[in-house]
Amino acid sequence: MTTQIDKAELLRSLHVPGDPLILTNVWDAISATTVAKTPGVRALASASHSISNARGYEDGEGIPVDDALDSIRRIVAAVDLPVTADFEKGYADDPAGVRANVVRLIETGAVGINIEDSVGAEKAPTFPLEVAASRVAAARAAAEEIGVPLVINARVDTLAGGGEWDDAVSRANAYLDAGADVIFFLGLSDEALVERAISEVHGKISVIGHPGAVPLKRLAELGVSRV
């Protein structure tokens, strides 16, 4: 049986600029097992809306953290692949709470996390940069406490919330400095923005893929590491 540390290291290794990890969001144990059987699937992800809606809650931390953790635990137990979980804002108001909840998340067996920098259910406003970076650092501290090299996908909501480019890039680089492995850069709506982000952010980039977005082949050519 592959250990949790092995799975975390595998997940990190799959983030390759030019050969991006393609993740399908799953909702529960049965969708996880179904997706995991698909040829070419190398890891799984939960989305916050998926586990919330599957249990009758609204997205945006509408689901109690205990229920969110239970859903993630069931997904992890259903498959042998690495699982990364969308953990919204850490279900906590302050970095200490984020750290405590990320410890609990790692105890479910998850080996990756999305953590976002907007304050409420919408993409704006965002936490002050220093506060947002301290929350990423808290997630990294939790991983170090447990001894699992958690893959942190730090989400930058600035552009999606109507903010400015320079602020988004500053946040991305600050989150990398705070311990993030990958930057989940929302709002990269065309090739030029993807290319610019890859040039100005000092680390790996992940983006959302969907019909009408930049095609997967082109995202790979541009150097994206995760979709």
Protein backbone atom coordinates (compact mmCIF):
# COMPACT_ATOMS: atom_id res chain seq x y z
CA MET A 1 0.00 0.00 0.00
CA THR A 2 1.37 3.38 -0.99
CA THR A 3 1.92 5.62 2.02
CA GLN A 4 0.40 9.07 2.38
CA ILE A 5 3.86 10.61 2.03
CA ASP A 6 4.42 8.66 -1.21
CA LYS A 7 1.09 9.92 -2.54
CA ALA A 8 1.95 13.51 -1.66
CA GLU A 9 5.31 13.25 -3.38
CA LEU A 10 3.66 11.66 -6.41
CA LEU A 11 1.07 14.44 -6.59
CA ARG A 12 3.80 17.09 -6.46
CA SER A 13 5.79 15.32 -9.18
CA LEU A 14 2.78 15.35 -11.52
CA HIS A 15 2.81 19.17 -11.69
CA VAL A 16 5.02 19.55 -14.75
CA PRO A 17 5.10 22.75 -16.85
CA GLY A 18 4.27 21.70 -20.38
CA ASP A 19 2.77 18.36 -19.32
CA PRO A 20 0.06 19.51 -16.92
CA LEU A 21 -1.78 17.35 -14.43
CA ILE A 22 -5.41 17.16 -15.57
CA LEU A 23 -7.77 16.82 -12.61
CA THR A 24 -11.46 16.00 -12.65
CA ASN A 25 -13.43 17.16 -9.62
CA VAL A 26 -15.37 14.41 -7.86
CA TRP A 27 -18.35 14.63 -5.57
CA ASP A 28 -18.33 11.53 -3.39
CA ALA A 29 -17.00 7.98 -3.15
CA ILE A 30 -18.89 6.60 -6.17
CA SER A 31 -17.89 9.42 -8.50
CA ALA A 32 -14.32 9.06 -7.22
CA THR A 33 -14.19 5.36 -8.03
CA THR A 34 -15.77 5.96 -11.44
CA VAL A 35 -13.30 8.67 -12.43
CA ALA A 36 -10.35 6.71 -11.00
CA LYS A 37 -11.07 3.83 -13.40
CA THR A 38 -10.73 6.10 -16.43
CA PRO A 39 -7.50 5.46 -18.36
CA GLY A 40 -4.95 8.22 -17.87
CA VAL A 41 -6.33 9.57 -14.60
CA ARG A 42 -3.39 10.11 -12.25
CA ALA A 43 -4.98 11.90 -9.29
CA LEU A 44 -8.36 13.13 -8.09
CA ALA A 45 -9.67 16.42 -6.75
CA SER A 46 -12.71 17.41 -4.76
CA ALA A 47 -14.34 20.75 -5.46
CA SER A 48 -15.93 22.68 -2.61
CA HIS A 49 -19.21 23.00 -4.49
CA SER A 50 -19.28 19.28 -5.25
CA ILE A 51 -18.98 18.00 -1.71
CA SER A 52 -21.23 20.78 -0.40
CA ASN A 53 -24.00 20.26 -2.96
CA ALA A 54 -23.84 16.47 -2.60
CA ARG A 55 -24.74 16.89 1.07
CA GLY A 56 -27.38 19.57 0.56
CA TYR A 57 -25.33 22.67 1.42
CA GLU A 58 -24.44 25.78 -0.52
CA ASP A 59 -20.88 26.40 -1.67
CA GLY A 60 -18.82 29.04 0.12
CA GLU A 61 -18.23 27.14 3.37
CA GLY A 62 -21.95 26.49 3.75
CA ILE A 63 -21.09 22.93 4.72
CA PRO A 64 -19.91 22.37 8.32
CA VAL A 65 -16.20 21.56 8.45
CA ASP A 66 -16.89 18.17 10.08
CA ASP A 67 -19.10 17.19 7.14
CA ALA A 68 -16.55 18.46 4.62
CA LEU A 69 -13.83 16.40 6.26
CA ASP A 70 -16.07 13.33 6.34
CA SER A 71 -16.74 13.66 2.60
CA ILE A 72 -13.04 14.00 1.84
CA ARG A 73 -12.22 11.01 4.07
CA ARG A 74 -14.73 8.85 2.18
CA ILE A 75 -13.31 9.91 -1.19
CA VAL A 76 -9.75 9.15 -0.09
CA ALA A 77 -10.77 5.74 1.27
CA ALA A 78 -12.51 4.80 -1.98
CA VAL A 79 -9.44 5.09 -4.26
CA ASP A 80 -5.72 4.41 -4.33
CA LEU A 81 -4.87 7.59 -6.24
CA PRO A 82 -3.64 10.80 -4.61
CA VAL A 83 -6.53 13.08 -3.62
CA THR A 84 -6.32 16.86 -3.38
CA ALA A 85 -9.16 18.67 -1.63
CA ASP A 86 -10.67 22.09 -2.17
CA PHE A 87 -10.66 23.40 1.39
CA GLU A 88 -12.04 26.87 0.59
CA LYS A 89 -10.64 29.33 3.18
CA GLY A 90 -9.67 26.66 5.67
CA TYR A 91 -13.05 26.96 7.44
CA ALA A 92 -11.44 29.37 9.91
CA ASP A 93 -11.24 33.11 10.55
CA ASP A 94 -7.56 33.24 11.46
CA PRO A 95 -4.29 31.48 10.61
CA ALA A 96 -4.31 29.46 13.82
CA GLY A 97 -7.71 28.06 12.90
CA VAL A 98 -6.53 27.32 9.36
CA ARG A 99 -3.56 25.41 10.74
CA ALA A 100 -5.73 23.34 13.07
CA ASN A 101 -8.22 22.48 10.33
CA VAL A 102 -5.52 21.60 7.80
CA VAL A 103 -4.07 19.17 10.35
CA ARG A 104 -7.50 17.53 10.44
CA LEU A 105 -7.65 17.51 6.65
CA ILE A 106 -4.31 15.73 6.38
CA GLU A 107 -5.58 13.16 8.86
CA THR A 108 -8.29 12.20 6.30
CA GLY A 109 -5.52 10.98 3.99
CA ALA A 110 -5.71 13.87 1.53
CA VAL A 111 -2.33 14.94 0.12
CA GLY A 112 -3.20 18.24 -1.52
CA ILE A 113 -5.24 21.33 -0.77
CA ASN A 114 -6.74 24.34 -2.49
CA ILE A 115 -6.90 27.41 -0.27
CA GLU A 116 -8.37 30.67 -1.52
CA ASP A 117 -7.77 34.31 -0.64
CA SER A 118 -11.22 35.88 -0.93
CA VAL A 119 -13.04 36.71 2.30
CA GLY A 120 -16.61 35.61 1.56
CA ALA A 121 -18.49 33.43 -0.86
CA GLU A 122 -17.76 35.79 -3.76
CA LYS A 123 -14.37 36.44 -5.38
CA ALA A 124 -14.09 39.86 -3.74
CA PRO A 125 -13.03 41.29 -1.43
CA THR A 126 -9.81 39.45 -0.70
CA PHE A 127 -7.93 39.23 2.57
CA PRO A 128 -5.12 41.79 2.89
CA LEU A 129 -2.03 40.33 1.22
CA GLU A 130 -0.13 39.79 4.48
CA VAL A 131 -3.11 38.06 6.07
CA ALA A 132 -3.70 35.85 3.04
CA ALA A 133 -0.03 34.87 2.92
CA SER A 134 -0.08 34.03 6.63
CA ARG A 135 -3.00 31.67 6.00
CA VAL A 136 -0.98 29.86 3.32
CA ALA A 137 1.94 29.70 5.74
CA ALA A 138 -0.40 28.21 8.35
CA ALA A 139 -1.36 25.42 5.95
CA ARG A 140 2.32 24.71 5.31
CA ALA A 141 3.01 24.68 9.06
CA ALA A 142 0.23 22.13 9.54
CA ALA A 143 1.81 19.88 6.92
CA GLU A 144 5.20 20.16 8.59
CA GLU A 145 3.61 19.38 11.94
CA ILE A 146 2.12 16.16 10.60
CA GLY A 147 5.12 15.27 8.45
CA VAL A 148 3.24 14.96 5.15
CA PRO A 149 4.50 17.11 2.23
CA LEU A 150 1.05 18.51 1.42
CA VAL A 151 0.75 20.03 -2.07
CA ILE A 152 -0.68 23.53 -1.57
CA ASN A 153 -2.53 25.02 -4.54
CA ALA A 154 -3.01 28.64 -3.43
CA ARG A 155 -5.85 30.38 -5.25
CA VAL A 156 -5.60 34.00 -6.34
CA ASP A 157 -9.09 35.49 -6.74
CA THR A 158 -8.04 39.03 -7.58
CA LEU A 159 -8.79 39.12 -11.31
CA ALA A 160 -11.98 37.10 -10.97
CA GLY A 161 -13.12 39.61 -8.35
CA GLY A 162 -12.46 42.63 -10.56
CA GLY A 163 -9.05 43.51 -9.10
CA GLU A 164 -5.80 44.62 -10.70
CA TRP A 165 -3.16 42.51 -12.41
CA ASP A 166 -0.21 43.75 -10.34
CA ASP A 167 -2.00 42.87 -7.11
CA ALA A 168 -2.75 39.38 -8.41
CA VAL A 169 0.89 38.75 -9.32
CA SER A 170 2.13 40.15 -6.00
CA ARG A 171 -0.20 37.80 -4.18
CA ALA A 172 0.85 34.82 -6.26
CA ASN A 173 4.52 35.35 -5.50
CA ALA A 174 3.83 36.05 -1.82
CA TYR A 175 1.91 32.78 -1.51
CA LEU A 176 4.80 30.88 -3.10
CA ASP A 177 7.15 32.50 -0.60
CA ALA A 178 4.77 31.45 2.19
CA GLY A 179 4.94 27.78 1.21
CA ALA A 180 2.54 27.24 -1.68
CA ASP A 181 3.61 24.75 -4.36
CA VAL A 182 1.32 25.95 -7.12
CA ILE A 183 -0.69 29.10 -7.83
CA PHE A 184 -4.32 28.59 -8.85
CA PHE A 185 -4.66 31.78 -10.88
CA LEU A 186 -8.31 32.61 -11.59
CA GLY A 187 -9.28 34.96 -14.41
CA LEU A 188 -6.76 33.89 -17.06
CA SER A 189 -9.33 34.10 -19.81
CA ASP A 190 -7.07 34.03 -22.87
CA GLU A 191 -3.67 32.87 -24.06
CA ALA A 192 -2.02 36.24 -23.54
CA LEU A 193 -2.98 36.32 -19.85
CA VAL A 194 -1.85 32.74 -19.31
CA GLU A 195 1.48 33.51 -20.94
CA ARG A 196 1.89 36.68 -18.89
CA ALA A 197 1.12 34.89 -15.63
CA ILE A 198 3.66 32.17 -16.37
CA SER A 199 6.24 34.84 -17.10
CA GLU A 200 5.64 36.97 -14.00
CA VAL A 201 4.80 34.39 -11.34
CA HIS A 202 7.89 32.72 -9.90
CA GLY A 203 6.41 29.25 -9.70
CA LYS A 204 3.96 26.78 -11.19
CA ILE A 205 0.52 27.81 -12.45
CA SER A 206 -2.80 25.99 -12.38
CA VAL A 207 -5.95 27.11 -14.19
CA ILE A 208 -9.55 26.05 -14.70
CA GLY A 209 -10.35 24.19 -17.90
CA HIS A 210 -13.80 24.23 -19.45
CA PRO A 211 -15.46 24.52 -22.88
CA GLY A 212 -14.61 27.90 -24.35
CA ALA A 213 -11.44 28.33 -22.29
CA VAL A 214 -7.91 28.07 -23.67
CA PRO A 215 -7.64 24.49 -25.06
CA LEU A 216 -5.72 21.92 -23.03
CA LYS A 217 -3.11 21.43 -25.74
CA ARG A 218 -2.38 25.14 -25.85
CA LEU A 219 -2.25 25.40 -22.04
CA ALA A 220 0.41 22.69 -22.11
CA GLU A 221 2.38 24.50 -24.79
CA LEU A 222 2.29 27.70 -22.75
CA GLY A 223 3.71 25.91 -19.70
CA VAL A 224 0.75 25.44 -17.37
CA SER A 225 1.37 22.78 -14.69
CA ARG A 226 -2.19 21.85 -13.68
CA VAL A 227 -5.71 22.12 -15.06
